[in-house]
Amino acid sequence: GVRTLAFLGVVSFGTKLLEECLARPLWLLAALVAGEFGLIN
């Protein structure tokens, strides 16, 4: 339960970070490439 609560904090930070990246095309493109490689892995 505590681990999941901490994970929700990480998810919240990551989601808000991606929202900030929406206005920065290069950062969003880097997130796209990283996510695609993550799925391949």
PDB file of all heavy atoms in Angstrom:
ATOM      1  N   GLY A   1       0.815  -1.206   0.000  1.00  0.00           N
ATOM      2  CA  GLY A   1       0.000   0.000   0.000  1.00  0.00           C
ATOM      3  C   GLY A   1       0.847   1.254   0.000  1.00  0.00           C
ATOM      4  O   GLY A   1       0.597   2.195  -0.774  1.00  0.00           O
ATOM      5  N   VAL A   2       1.862   1.288   0.844  1.00  0.00           N
ATOM      6  CA  VAL A   2       2.757   2.444   0.908  1.00  0.00           C
ATOM      7  C   VAL A   2       3.594   2.539  -0.363  1.00  0.00           C
ATOM      8  O   VAL A   2       3.834   3.637  -0.892  1.00  0.00           O
ATOM      9  CB  VAL A   2       3.653   2.355   2.154  1.00  0.00           C
ATOM     10  CG1 VAL A   2       4.651   3.509   2.184  1.00  0.00           C
ATOM     11  CG2 VAL A   2       2.803   2.367   3.420  1.00  0.00           C
ATOM     12  N   ARG A   3       4.039   1.396  -0.880  1.00  0.00           N
ATOM     13  CA  ARG A   3       4.805   1.408  -2.134  1.00  0.00           C
ATOM     14  C   ARG A   3       3.969   2.004  -3.273  1.00  0.00           C
ATOM     15  O   ARG A   3       4.453   2.800  -4.083  1.00  0.00           O
ATOM     16  CB  ARG A   3       5.231  -0.015  -2.505  1.00  0.00           C
ATOM     17  CG  ARG A   3       6.287  -0.624  -1.597  1.00  0.00           C
ATOM     18  CD  ARG A   3       6.488  -2.086  -1.948  1.00  0.00           C
ATOM     19  NE  ARG A   3       7.392  -2.740  -1.030  1.00  0.00           N
ATOM     20  CZ  ARG A   3       8.689  -2.915  -1.240  1.00  0.00           C
ATOM     21  NH1 ARG A   3       9.219  -2.460  -2.352  1.00  0.00           N
ATOM     22  NH2 ARG A   3       9.444  -3.527  -0.352  1.00  0.00           N
ATOM     23  N   THR A   4       2.695   1.602  -3.334  1.00  0.00           N
ATOM     24  CA  THR A   4       1.827   2.109  -4.383  1.00  0.00           C
ATOM     25  C   THR A   4       1.575   3.599  -4.209  1.00  0.00           C
ATOM     26  O   THR A   4       1.514   4.356  -5.189  1.00  0.00           O
ATOM     27  CB  THR A   4       0.490   1.349  -4.387  1.00  0.00           C
ATOM     28  OG1 THR A   4       0.749  -0.043  -4.570  1.00  0.00           O
ATOM     29  CG2 THR A   4      -0.417   1.838  -5.506  1.00  0.00           C
ATOM     30  N   LEU A   5       1.440   4.049  -2.965  1.00  0.00           N
ATOM     31  CA  LEU A   5       1.258   5.481  -2.712  1.00  0.00           C
ATOM     32  C   LEU A   5       2.476   6.259  -3.199  1.00  0.00           C
ATOM     33  O   LEU A   5       2.346   7.326  -3.806  1.00  0.00           O
ATOM     34  CB  LEU A   5       1.035   5.711  -1.220  1.00  0.00           C
ATOM     35  CG  LEU A   5       0.526   7.097  -0.805  1.00  0.00           C
ATOM     36  CD1 LEU A   5      -0.820   7.386  -1.460  1.00  0.00           C
ATOM     37  CD2 LEU A   5       0.406   7.191   0.706  1.00  0.00           C
ATOM     38  N   ALA A   6       3.665   5.728  -2.938  1.00  0.00           N
ATOM     39  CA  ALA A   6       4.881   6.377  -3.441  1.00  0.00           C
ATOM     40  C   ALA A   6       4.932   6.345  -4.959  1.00  0.00           C
ATOM     41  O   ALA A   6       5.351   7.324  -5.610  1.00  0.00           O
ATOM     42  CB  ALA A   6       6.111   5.680  -2.855  1.00  0.00           C
ATOM     43  N   PHE A   7       4.476   5.236  -5.543  1.00  0.00           N
ATOM     44  CA  PHE A   7       4.461   5.128  -7.001  1.00  0.00           C
ATOM     45  C   PHE A   7       3.489   6.134  -7.620  1.00  0.00           C
ATOM     46  O   PHE A   7       3.760   6.700  -8.686  1.00  0.00           O
ATOM     47  CB  PHE A   7       4.087   3.709  -7.421  1.00  0.00           C
ATOM     48  CG  PHE A   7       4.087   3.490  -8.909  1.00  0.00           C
ATOM     49  CD1 PHE A   7       5.254   3.559  -9.641  1.00  0.00           C
ATOM     50  CD2 PHE A   7       2.900   3.224  -9.580  1.00  0.00           C
ATOM     51  CE1 PHE A   7       5.257   3.370 -11.011  1.00  0.00           C
ATOM     52  CE2 PHE A   7       2.886   3.024 -10.948  1.00  0.00           C
ATOM     53  CZ  PHE A   7       4.071   3.095 -11.665  1.00  0.00           C
ATOM     54  N   LEU A   8       2.363   6.364  -6.952  1.00  0.00           N
ATOM     55  CA  LEU A   8       1.423   7.370  -7.437  1.00  0.00           C
ATOM     56  C   LEU A   8       2.063   8.759  -7.436  1.00  0.00           C
ATOM     57  O   LEU A   8       1.786   9.584  -8.310  1.00  0.00           O
ATOM     58  CB  LEU A   8       0.153   7.378  -6.574  1.00  0.00           C
ATOM     59  CG  LEU A   8      -0.779   6.179  -6.710  1.00  0.00           C
ATOM     60  CD1 LEU A   8      -1.972   6.332  -5.785  1.00  0.00           C
ATOM     61  CD2 LEU A   8      -1.238   6.012  -8.146  1.00  0.00           C
ATOM     62  N   GLY A   9       2.924   9.019  -6.450  1.00  0.00           N
ATOM     63  CA  GLY A   9       3.655  10.278  -6.446  1.00  0.00           C
ATOM     64  C   GLY A   9       4.576  10.405  -7.641  1.00  0.00           C
ATOM     65  O   GLY A   9       4.652  11.461  -8.277  1.00  0.00           O
ATOM     66  N   VAL A  10       5.275   9.306  -7.973  1.00  0.00           N
ATOM     67  CA  VAL A  10       6.157   9.306  -9.141  1.00  0.00           C
ATOM     68  C   VAL A  10       5.344   9.493 -10.421  1.00  0.00           C
ATOM     69  O   VAL A  10       5.729  10.260 -11.321  1.00  0.00           O
ATOM     70  CB  VAL A  10       6.965   7.991  -9.198  1.00  0.00           C
ATOM     71  CG1 VAL A  10       7.790   7.919 -10.481  1.00  0.00           C
ATOM     72  CG2 VAL A  10       7.880   7.870  -7.981  1.00  0.00           C
ATOM     73  N   VAL A  11       4.196   8.794 -10.500  1.00  0.00           N
ATOM     74  CA  VAL A  11       3.334   8.916 -11.677  1.00  0.00           C
ATOM     75  C   VAL A  11       2.812  10.348 -11.820  1.00  0.00           C
ATOM     76  O   VAL A  11       2.771  10.905 -12.919  1.00  0.00           O
ATOM     77  CB  VAL A  11       2.159   7.918 -11.578  1.00  0.00           C
ATOM     78  CG1 VAL A  11       1.090   8.233 -12.617  1.00  0.00           C
ATOM     79  CG2 VAL A  11       2.661   6.496 -11.770  1.00  0.00           C
ATOM     80  N   SER A  12       2.432  10.951 -10.700  1.00  0.00           N
ATOM     81  CA  SER A  12       1.934  12.321 -10.735  1.00  0.00           C
ATOM     82  C   SER A  12       3.010  13.279 -11.244  1.00  0.00           C
ATOM     83  O   SER A  12       2.752  14.146 -12.092  1.00  0.00           O
ATOM     84  CB  SER A  12       1.467  12.756  -9.339  1.00  0.00           C
ATOM     85  OG  SER A  12       0.448  11.899  -8.853  1.00  0.00           O
ATOM     86  N   PHE A  13       4.228  13.121 -10.731  1.00  0.00           N
ATOM     87  CA  PHE A  13       5.342  13.980 -11.165  1.00  0.00           C
ATOM     88  C   PHE A  13       5.623  13.781 -12.648  1.00  0.00           C
ATOM     89  O   PHE A  13       5.796  14.751 -13.400  1.00  0.00           O
ATOM     90  CB  PHE A  13       6.588  13.675 -10.343  1.00  0.00           C
ATOM     91  CG  PHE A  13       7.801  14.445 -10.778  1.00  0.00           C
ATOM     92  CD1 PHE A  13       7.964  15.772 -10.431  1.00  0.00           C
ATOM     93  CD2 PHE A  13       8.782  13.820 -11.548  1.00  0.00           C
ATOM     94  CE1 PHE A  13       9.080  16.488 -10.852  1.00  0.00           C
ATOM     95  CE2 PHE A  13       9.906  14.522 -11.966  1.00  0.00           C
ATOM     96  CZ  PHE A  13      10.051  15.862 -11.617  1.00  0.00           C
ATOM     97  N   GLY A  14       5.661  12.511 -13.093  1.00  0.00           N
ATOM     98  CA  GLY A  14       5.933  12.234 -14.500  1.00  0.00           C
ATOM     99  C   GLY A  14       4.859  12.770 -15.421  1.00  0.00           C
ATOM    100  O   GLY A  14       5.149  13.300 -16.501  1.00  0.00           O
ATOM    101  N   THR A  15       3.593  12.648 -14.996  1.00  0.00           N
ATOM    102  CA  THR A  15       2.497  13.161 -15.820  1.00  0.00           C
ATOM    103  C   THR A  15       2.568  14.673 -15.948  1.00  0.00           C
ATOM    104  O   THR A  15       2.408  15.237 -17.045  1.00  0.00           O
ATOM    105  CB  THR A  15       1.147  12.741 -15.217  1.00  0.00           C
ATOM    106  OG1 THR A  15       1.100  11.310 -15.110  1.00  0.00           O
ATOM    107  CG2 THR A  15      -0.004  13.225 -16.077  1.00  0.00           C
ATOM    108  N   LYS A  16       2.803  15.353 -14.833  1.00  0.00           N
ATOM    109  CA  LYS A  16       2.915  16.810 -14.881  1.00  0.00           C
ATOM    110  C   LYS A  16       4.135  17.248 -15.697  1.00  0.00           C
ATOM    111  O   LYS A  16       4.117  18.281 -16.376  1.00  0.00           O
ATOM    112  CB  LYS A  16       2.997  17.368 -13.460  1.00  0.00           C
ATOM    113  CG  LYS A  16       1.690  17.244 -12.692  1.00  0.00           C
ATOM    114  CD  LYS A  16       0.569  17.975 -13.399  1.00  0.00           C
ATOM    115  CE  LYS A  16      -0.746  17.861 -12.668  1.00  0.00           C
ATOM    116  NZ  LYS A  16      -1.849  18.553 -13.377  1.00  0.00           N
ATOM    117  N   LEU A  17       5.204  16.447 -15.639  1.00  0.00           N
ATOM    118  CA  LEU A  17       6.391  16.766 -16.433  1.00  0.00           C
ATOM    119  C   LEU A  17       6.085  16.667 -17.922  1.00  0.00           C
ATOM    120  O   LEU A  17       6.515  17.509 -18.728  1.00  0.00           O
ATOM    121  CB  LEU A  17       7.533  15.818 -16.059  1.00  0.00           C
ATOM    122  CG  LEU A  17       8.908  16.106 -16.672  1.00  0.00           C
ATOM    123  CD1 LEU A  17       9.418  17.462 -16.205  1.00  0.00           C
ATOM    124  CD2 LEU A  17       9.898  15.010 -16.295  1.00  0.00           C
ATOM    125  N   LEU A  18       5.303  15.642 -18.303  1.00  0.00           N
ATOM    126  CA  LEU A  18       4.932  15.500 -19.709  1.00  0.00           C
ATOM    127  C   LEU A  18       4.006  16.631 -20.145  1.00  0.00           C
ATOM    128  O   LEU A  18       4.055  17.081 -21.297  1.00  0.00           O
ATOM    129  CB  LEU A  18       4.261  14.152 -19.939  1.00  0.00           C
ATOM    130  CG  LEU A  18       5.200  12.941 -20.016  1.00  0.00           C
ATOM    131  CD1 LEU A  18       4.401  11.654 -20.111  1.00  0.00           C
ATOM    132  CD2 LEU A  18       6.137  13.079 -21.213  1.00  0.00           C
ATOM    133  N   GLU A  19       3.152  17.093 -19.232  1.00  0.00           N
ATOM    134  CA  GLU A  19       2.302  18.240 -19.560  1.00  0.00           C
ATOM    135  C   GLU A  19       3.160  19.467 -19.872  1.00  0.00           C
ATOM    136  O   GLU A  19       2.834  20.254 -20.773  1.00  0.00           O
ATOM    137  CB  GLU A  19       1.342  18.540 -18.410  1.00  0.00           C
ATOM    138  CG  GLU A  19       0.162  17.601 -18.338  1.00  0.00           C
ATOM    139  CD  GLU A  19      -0.859  18.033 -17.299  1.00  0.00           C
ATOM    140  OE1 GLU A  19      -0.471  18.248 -16.137  1.00  0.00           O
ATOM    141  OE2 GLU A  19      -2.041  18.159 -17.635  1.00  0.00           O
ATOM    142  N   GLU A  20       4.251  19.644 -19.125  1.00  0.00           N
ATOM    143  CA  GLU A  20       5.167  20.749 -19.403  1.00  0.00           C
ATOM    144  C   GLU A  20       5.876  20.560 -20.743  1.00  0.00           C
ATOM    145  O   GLU A  20       6.181  21.524 -21.450  1.00  0.00           O
ATOM    146  CB  GLU A  20       6.197  20.880 -18.278  1.00  0.00           C
ATOM    147  CG  GLU A  20       5.619  21.302 -16.940  1.00  0.00           C
ATOM    148  CD  GLU A  20       5.044  22.701 -16.983  1.00  0.00           C
ATOM    149  OE1 GLU A  20       5.610  23.561 -17.705  1.00  0.00           O
ATOM    150  OE2 GLU A  20       4.007  22.935 -16.325  1.00  0.00           O
ATOM    151  N   CYS A  21       6.126  19.285 -21.093  1.00  0.00           N
ATOM    152  CA  CYS A  21       6.819  18.996 -22.354  1.00  0.00           C
ATOM    153  C   CYS A  21       5.941  19.256 -23.573  1.00  0.00           C
ATOM    154  O   CYS A  21       6.461  19.337 -24.699  1.00  0.00           O
ATOM    155  CB  CYS A  21       7.289  17.538 -22.377  1.00  0.00           C
ATOM    156  SG  CYS A  21       8.621  17.165 -21.217  1.00  0.00           S
ATOM    157  N   LEU A  22       4.616  19.344 -23.365  1.00  0.00           N
ATOM    158  CA  LEU A  22       3.729  19.560 -24.503  1.00  0.00           C
ATOM    159  C   LEU A  22       4.058  20.838 -25.255  1.00  0.00           C
ATOM    160  O   LEU A  22       3.855  20.939 -26.469  1.00  0.00           O
ATOM    161  CB  LEU A  22       2.268  19.596 -24.026  1.00  0.00           C
ATOM    162  CG  LEU A  22       1.682  18.267 -23.515  1.00  0.00           C
ATOM    163  CD1 LEU A  22       0.279  18.477 -22.971  1.00  0.00           C
ATOM    164  CD2 LEU A  22       1.686  17.219 -24.622  1.00  0.00           C
ATOM    165  N   ALA A  23       4.560  21.839 -24.543  1.00  0.00           N
ATOM    166  CA  ALA A  23       4.900  23.113 -25.172  1.00  0.00           C
ATOM    167  C   ALA A  23       6.335  23.124 -25.701  1.00  0.00           C
ATOM    168  O   ALA A  23       6.776  24.147 -26.230  1.00  0.00           O
ATOM    169  CB  ALA A  23       4.703  24.263 -24.182  1.00  0.00           C
ATOM    170  N   ARG A  24       7.046  22.002 -25.550  1.00  0.00           N
ATOM    171  CA  ARG A  24       8.443  21.927 -26.004  1.00  0.00           C
ATOM    172  C   ARG A  24       8.570  20.729 -26.938  1.00  0.00           C
ATOM    173  O   ARG A  24       8.723  19.591 -26.474  1.00  0.00           O
ATOM    174  CB  ARG A  24       9.388  21.802 -24.809  1.00  0.00           C
ATOM    175  CG  ARG A  24       9.357  23.021 -23.885  1.00  0.00           C
ATOM    176  CD  ARG A  24      10.096  22.745 -22.591  1.00  0.00           C
ATOM    177  NE  ARG A  24      10.197  23.931 -21.750  1.00  0.00           N
ATOM    178  CZ  ARG A  24       9.226  24.369 -20.960  1.00  0.00           C
ATOM    179  NH1 ARG A  24       8.071  23.715 -20.911  1.00  0.00           N
ATOM    180  NH2 ARG A  24       9.381  25.459 -20.233  1.00  0.00           N
ATOM    181  N   PRO A  25       8.494  20.932 -28.247  1.00  0.00           N
ATOM    182  CA  PRO A  25       8.462  19.821 -29.198  1.00  0.00           C
ATOM    183  C   PRO A  25       9.621  18.845 -29.071  1.00  0.00           C
ATOM    184  O   PRO A  25       9.436  17.639 -29.173  1.00  0.00           O
ATOM    185  CB  PRO A  25       8.485  20.534 -30.565  1.00  0.00           C
ATOM    186  CG  PRO A  25       7.960  21.903 -30.295  1.00  0.00           C
ATOM    187  CD  PRO A  25       8.399  22.240 -28.906  1.00  0.00           C
ATOM    188  N   LEU A  26      10.830  19.342 -28.827  1.00  0.00           N
ATOM    189  CA  LEU A  26      11.984  18.452 -28.748  1.00  0.00           C
ATOM    190  C   LEU A  26      11.895  17.534 -27.526  1.00  0.00           C
ATOM    191  O   LEU A  26      12.237  16.351 -27.603  1.00  0.00           O
ATOM    192  CB  LEU A  26      13.277  19.269 -28.715  1.00  0.00           C
ATOM    193  CG  LEU A  26      13.633  20.004 -30.016  1.00  0.00           C
ATOM    194  CD1 LEU A  26      14.942  20.769 -29.856  1.00  0.00           C
ATOM    195  CD2 LEU A  26      13.745  19.006 -31.174  1.00  0.00           C
ATOM    196  N   TRP A  27      11.429  18.087 -26.399  1.00  0.00           N
ATOM    197  CA  TRP A  27      11.284  17.257 -25.210  1.00  0.00           C
ATOM    198  C   TRP A  27      10.195  16.199 -25.416  1.00  0.00           C
ATOM    199  O   TRP A  27      10.345  15.042 -25.001  1.00  0.00           O
ATOM    200  CB  TRP A  27      10.947  18.127 -24.000  1.00  0.00           C
ATOM    201  CG  TRP A  27      12.123  18.860 -23.453  1.00  0.00           C
ATOM    202  CD1 TRP A  27      12.448  20.173 -23.643  1.00  0.00           C
ATOM    203  CD2 TRP A  27      13.168  18.314 -22.638  1.00  0.00           C
ATOM    204  NE1 TRP A  27      13.616  20.485 -23.006  1.00  0.00           N
ATOM    205  CE2 TRP A  27      14.084  19.362 -22.368  1.00  0.00           C
ATOM    206  CE3 TRP A  27      13.419  17.062 -22.113  1.00  0.00           C
ATOM    207  CZ2 TRP A  27      15.231  19.187 -21.607  1.00  0.00           C
ATOM    208  CZ3 TRP A  27      14.567  16.870 -21.342  1.00  0.00           C
ATOM    209  CH2 TRP A  27      15.452  17.930 -21.100  1.00  0.00           C
ATOM    210  N   LEU A  28       9.099  16.599 -26.047  1.00  0.00           N
ATOM    211  CA  LEU A  28       8.026  15.644 -26.308  1.00  0.00           C
ATOM    212  C   LEU A  28       8.471  14.571 -27.297  1.00  0.00           C
ATOM    213  O   LEU A  28       8.126  13.396 -27.154  1.00  0.00           O
ATOM    214  CB  LEU A  28       6.795  16.376 -26.845  1.00  0.00           C
ATOM    215  CG  LEU A  28       5.492  15.574 -26.890  1.00  0.00           C
ATOM    216  CD1 LEU A  28       5.106  15.099 -25.490  1.00  0.00           C
ATOM    217  CD2 LEU A  28       4.374  16.406 -27.492  1.00  0.00           C
ATOM    218  N   LEU A  29       9.259  14.957 -28.280  1.00  0.00           N
ATOM    219  CA  LEU A  29       9.793  13.991 -29.235  1.00  0.00           C
ATOM    220  C   LEU A  29      10.728  13.011 -28.528  1.00  0.00           C
ATOM    221  O   LEU A  29      10.715  11.802 -28.810  1.00  0.00           O
ATOM    222  CB  LEU A  29      10.525  14.721 -30.357  1.00  0.00           C
ATOM    223  CG  LEU A  29      11.123  13.838 -31.458  1.00  0.00           C
ATOM    224  CD1 LEU A  29      10.020  13.061 -32.170  1.00  0.00           C
ATOM    225  CD2 LEU A  29      11.905  14.694 -32.460  1.00  0.00           C
ATOM    226  N   ALA A  30      11.546  13.523 -27.591  1.00  0.00           N
ATOM    227  CA  ALA A  30      12.429  12.634 -26.824  1.00  0.00           C
ATOM    228  C   ALA A  30      11.623  11.643 -25.983  1.00  0.00           C
ATOM    229  O   ALA A  30      11.975  10.464 -25.887  1.00  0.00           O
ATOM    230  CB  ALA A  30      13.341  13.471 -25.925  1.00  0.00           C
ATOM    231  N   ALA A  31      10.512  12.117 -25.390  1.00  0.00           N
ATOM    232  CA  ALA A  31       9.652  11.220 -24.624  1.00  0.00           C
ATOM    233  C   ALA A  31       9.027  10.163 -25.518  1.00  0.00           C
ATOM    234  O   ALA A  31       8.880   8.998 -25.128  1.00  0.00           O
ATOM    235  CB  ALA A  31       8.569  12.023 -23.905  1.00  0.00           C
ATOM    236  N   LEU A  32       8.645  10.549 -26.739  1.00  0.00           N
ATOM    237  CA  LEU A  32       8.077   9.597 -27.694  1.00  0.00           C
ATOM    238  C   LEU A  32       9.076   8.509 -28.053  1.00  0.00           C
ATOM    239  O   LEU A  32       8.752   7.314 -28.055  1.00  0.00           O
ATOM    240  CB  LEU A  32       7.626  10.355 -28.950  1.00  0.00           C
ATOM    241  CG  LEU A  32       7.173   9.513 -30.143  1.00  0.00           C
ATOM    242  CD1 LEU A  32       5.963   8.676 -29.766  1.00  0.00           C
ATOM    243  CD2 LEU A  32       6.855  10.404 -31.338  1.00  0.00           C
ATOM    244  N   VAL A  33      10.303   8.915 -28.350  1.00  0.00           N
ATOM    245  CA  VAL A  33      11.345   7.938 -28.701  1.00  0.00           C
ATOM    246  C   VAL A  33      11.642   7.020 -27.512  1.00  0.00           C
ATOM    247  O   VAL A  33      11.753   5.797 -27.664  1.00  0.00           O
ATOM    248  CB  VAL A  33      12.622   8.669 -29.175  1.00  0.00           C
ATOM    249  CG1 VAL A  33      13.758   7.674 -29.384  1.00  0.00           C
ATOM    250  CG2 VAL A  33      12.332   9.434 -30.464  1.00  0.00           C
ATOM    251  N   ALA A  34      11.763   7.598 -26.314  1.00  0.00           N
ATOM    252  CA  ALA A  34      12.049   6.794 -25.123  1.00  0.00           C
ATOM    253  C   ALA A  34      10.925   5.793 -24.843  1.00  0.00           C
ATOM    254  O   ALA A  34      11.180   4.621 -24.525  1.00  0.00           O
ATOM    255  CB  ALA A  34      12.257   7.712 -23.920  1.00  0.00           C
ATOM    256  N   GLY A  35       9.668   6.252 -24.965  1.00  0.00           N
ATOM    257  CA  GLY A  35       8.551   5.345 -24.734  1.00  0.00           C
ATOM    258  C   GLY A  35       8.487   4.224 -25.749  1.00  0.00           C
ATOM    259  O   GLY A  35       8.206   3.068 -25.409  1.00  0.00           O
ATOM    260  N   GLU A  36       8.764   4.535 -27.014  1.00  0.00           N
ATOM    261  CA  GLU A  36       8.734   3.505 -28.054  1.00  0.00           C
ATOM    262  C   GLU A  36       9.826   2.463 -27.826  1.00  0.00           C
ATOM    263  O   GLU A  36       9.586   1.253 -27.955  1.00  0.00           O
ATOM    264  CB  GLU A  36       8.910   4.165 -29.427  1.00  0.00           C
ATOM    265  CG  GLU A  36       8.553   3.277 -30.601  1.00  0.00           C
ATOM    266  CD  GLU A  36       7.066   2.978 -30.671  1.00  0.00           C
ATOM    267  OE1 GLU A  36       6.264   3.796 -30.191  1.00  0.00           O
ATOM    268  OE2 GLU A  36       6.726   1.911 -31.211  1.00  0.00           O
ATOM    269  N   PHE A  37      11.008   2.913 -27.450  1.00  0.00           N
ATOM    270  CA  PHE A  37      12.077   1.965 -27.134  1.00  0.00           C
ATOM    271  C   PHE A  37      11.733   1.152 -25.889  1.00  0.00           C
ATOM    272  O   PHE A  37      12.103  -0.017 -25.776  1.00  0.00           O
ATOM    273  CB  PHE A  37      13.408   2.696 -26.952  1.00  0.00           C
ATOM    274  CG  PHE A  37      14.164   2.897 -28.228  1.00  0.00           C
ATOM    275  CD1 PHE A  37      14.167   4.125 -28.866  1.00  0.00           C
ATOM    276  CD2 PHE A  37      14.858   1.849 -28.811  1.00  0.00           C
ATOM    277  CE1 PHE A  37      14.850   4.318 -30.056  1.00  0.00           C
ATOM    278  CE2 PHE A  37      15.545   2.030 -29.995  1.00  0.00           C
ATOM    279  CZ  PHE A  37      15.547   3.266 -30.625  1.00  0.00           C
ATOM    280  N   GLY A  38      11.030   1.784 -24.934  1.00  0.00           N
ATOM    281  CA  GLY A  38      10.587   1.035 -23.752  1.00  0.00           C
ATOM    282  C   GLY A  38       9.636  -0.087 -24.116  1.00  0.00           C
ATOM    283  O   GLY A  38       9.742  -1.208 -23.592  1.00  0.00           O
ATOM    284  N   LEU A  39       8.690   0.162 -25.030  1.00  0.00           N
ATOM    285  CA  LEU A  39       7.769  -0.884 -25.473  1.00  0.00           C
ATOM    286  C   LEU A  39       8.503  -1.999 -26.208  1.00  0.00           C
ATOM    287  O   LEU A  39       8.186  -3.185 -26.046  1.00  0.00           O
ATOM    288  CB  LEU A  39       6.694  -0.274 -26.379  1.00  0.00           C
ATOM    289  CG  LEU A  39       5.647   0.604 -25.687  1.00  0.00           C
ATOM    290  CD1 LEU A  39       4.763   1.281 -26.716  1.00  0.00           C
ATOM    291  CD2 LEU A  39       4.800  -0.218 -24.731  1.00  0.00           C
ATOM    292  N   ILE A  40       9.474  -1.634 -27.019  1.00  0.00           N
ATOM    293  CA  ILE A  40      10.266  -2.646 -27.723  1.00  0.00           C
ATOM    294  C   ILE A  40      11.036  -3.501 -26.730  1.00  0.00           C
ATOM    295  O   ILE A  40      11.102  -4.736 -26.852  1.00  0.00           O
ATOM    296  CB  ILE A  40      11.220  -1.971 -28.726  1.00  0.00           C
ATOM    297  CG1 ILE A  40      10.417  -1.274 -29.830  1.00  0.00           C
ATOM    298  CG2 ILE A  40      12.185  -2.991 -29.326  1.00  0.00           C
ATOM    299  CD1 ILE A  40      11.250  -0.428 -30.764  1.00  0.00           C
ATOM    300  N   ASN A  41      11.606  -2.867 -25.699  1.00  0.00           N
ATOM    301  CA  ASN A  41      12.348  -3.615 -24.686  1.00  0.00           C
ATOM    302  C   ASN A  41      11.426  -4.555 -23.914  1.00  0.00           C
ATOM    303  O   ASN A  41      11.797  -5.696 -23.609  1.00  0.00           O
ATOM    304  CB  ASN A  41      13.024  -2.648 -23.719  1.00  0.00           C
ATOM    305  CG  ASN A  41      13.791  -3.366 -22.629  1.00  0.00           C
ATOM    306  OD1 ASN A  41      14.798  -4.021 -22.874  1.00  0.00           O
ATOM    307  ND2 ASN A  41      13.307  -3.267 -21.397  1.00  0.00           N
TER     308      ASN A  41
END
